[in-house]
Amino acid sequence: MKVCLVVCLGLAHLASASIFKRHHERPMQALNLPLTYIDPTSYKYGQLLDQQQQQLQYQRQKTQFEDKSQERKYLDRNSQEVKESRYNEYLNPETAEISSHEADEQIRVNIVEYQRPLESQIWNQHSALPISSYLIQEPQLYQISSEEQMKHQPLRSSEEQMKHFQLQQRSSEEQMKKYQSQRSSEEQMNLFQTQLRSKDQVKPYQKKRSDDQKYYPAVYGDNVEWSGIRMAVGPHSPITEQKDIERIFADAYNTVKDFTEEEKKTFHQMYMTAAENEDTHLNVTQLLQKNQYVVEEHTIKTDDGYILTLFRIPPKQKTRDVQKRPVVFLMHGLLGSADDWVLSGPGVGLAYLLADANYDVWMGNARGNKYSRRHVSKHPAQPDFWQFSNDEIALHDLPAMIDYALNTTHQEKMYYIGFSEGTTTFFALASSRPVYNDKIIMMYALSPMVYMSHTRSPLLKMIAPNSPFYERLHQILGHSEFKPTQEVIQTVGGDMLTKKFGCKHVASNVNMVMSGMVDNYDPKIMPMIASHLPAGASTRQIKQYGQAVATTFRRYDYGPAINMKVYGSEQPPKYQMSAVRVPVMLYFSTEDWLAQPADVEQLRSELPNVDAYQVPQFSHLDFQFSKNAPEAVYQRLIASIEKNQEQKQYQL
């Protein structure tokens, strides 16, 4: 009897120690691991470390909730109650917004995945979609043991943890045996031939592989090449012939300048020489101070808890007449920051030119970029920090920054200059909150990204919901910060730029791959762009532009079920451009990948008070970084502001 009592007490002690270890050591690991993903050069990095105790408490509470939720759903995962309660767990009825730690789309997708067989989660060659030829190589999953996989696993939500836990239970030997049992390449070819109706359809898959290419069974087929761009082609691939590749890349490919081999070599040498310039490592404050400009840093908090940083270049000449020093607010583009307005240097950058004209210059930063990566309770290393789209930037960030700038300068109105995403968010705000139409004197839209049906960007074409690549890209890009792998970057346009320019630094930068190169460039600006861009954004922002390619300019699409709970309809509401009462000036170009003339013309036809100017031979990034931008755009823009000011003074 005593022996049994001792044994029971010992087991109870071990169980309590295990529970303590799981609930107290695990949160510390969860806290320390994500900090390694934070860019050490990000703004006020040290302040994140000071919040360690607060984050530890938050992680402990979160871990306890996830463990209970995971256990409940694993034991009763097929019950109807679990399926119906999944949406309620991720919906905050008080704010009518999604507050999920997971992606919005996975909320509904995972309900079905709980009932799928385990084999389909490991390697389902009938449902997976390839994006590039690298996907047909031997899966790395079968070369890494389950323990090594666990070491490299990022922090995951409870549902994802359960899937990977089940996956890791299969030993590496079982995985290797399953992989070796796959059909040989000859058997696959025979299967393809019996499934296809015509023998002509088999020809692309019979293309002979080069001798230097390591051979593995082709899950999706063989490679097909168009203008140096190679992609996997097969019955399980969305690519069936060269024309499919051409449809994705031809518009972008034909607008990129062709370099000779000598020019490629010269370009690479100029790039490497310019990269040694110290300016490539300076932030906006350091760049302005180095060039003898006064700069102020202002920190504000949005109504939903994000902490943003604004930069101000105050007027050089002091005067009592506020009308002589109007406020000009600059809003950066997609994946950009306030840096972008000063990278070109004095005499070229728009912020410098406006400051030289004695305007009160303010530069905003949207949530998620390197200057706005803080929140009162969320951490940028956690997925919930990144659950925002352009809608949240438009309806929370812009109002906070505009109001703060006006209150600080004691003015009632300002001029607004937006580039790329800075135009998207402004039009969303002005159409949704009419009061802000009265706070803007005039809005200048550089490369307005509103309607996107005619986009040339391969990335946005491929991530559109009606694209055959959407599901695979949706899975690879994840649901947190937009940080695509180099394989994805090469697939969606990097290989094309490599062929054109021969410089890996250019071809590996997602901004240039998505938006196109700077055509009218100064060699020193290229490494400046590559070192400051991308500055940070959420994956949901990129997906929203992909949704615009497939549909129109509307709020973020969560899917029919969640849309009903958030918007009250299965389709997200459209932004009505007829509600934008602010005078607008549009600047666009035929060579722009992201803001095509046909889309700009649609926007122009819907705005009630608008004018437009077509800039000749400008790429998307030229609007901010071209050496010809002052003459082609900025001088005209500043002259418009001055004319408007003269008219206001005359009326007074």
Foldseek 3Di string as FASTA:
>chain_A
DVVVVVVVVVVVVVVVVVVCCQLQVVLVVLLVVLLVVDDPLFPPNVVVVVCSVVSSVVSSVVSVVQVVVLVVCVVVVLDPVVLVCLLVVQADLVVLDGQDLFFLQVSNVVSVVVPDDLVCVPDDLQADEDLFPVVQPDDCVLVDWLVVVVVPDHDDGSSVVVSSVVVNVDTSVNVVVVQVPDDAQVVVLVVQVVPDDDPVLSVVQPDDDDPPDDDDRGSAGDWDDDPQAIGHAHPSYPDRDPVVVCVLAVLVLVLADFDDPVQLVVLQVLLVVLLPDPLLSDAPCVQCVVVPFDKDWDWDAWPQFWIWIKMKGAFPDDDPDQLQAFEEEEEEAPLAFQRLQDLQHAPFRLQNVSNVSRHTYMYTGFAWFSRTQDGPNDHQSGQSSAPDALQCCLAIVVVRVLVVVCVVSVHQAHAYEYAHSRQLSPLLNCLPPVVVLRRYQAYEYELHQFAFQQFSQSVLQQCAPVHPNNVVCPVQQGWGKRDHDQVVLCSRALSSVCNRNVHNLQSSANVCNGWNDWDQADSSSVSSCSSRPSRIHTPQHSSQSSNSNVPGGFDRQSAQVSCCSSVVGRDGDHRQQCSNQHAYEYEEECSTRGRHPVNVVVSVVRHPHYYYDYFYPGYSSCCRGHSCNCVRPSVVVVVVVVVSSVVVVVVD
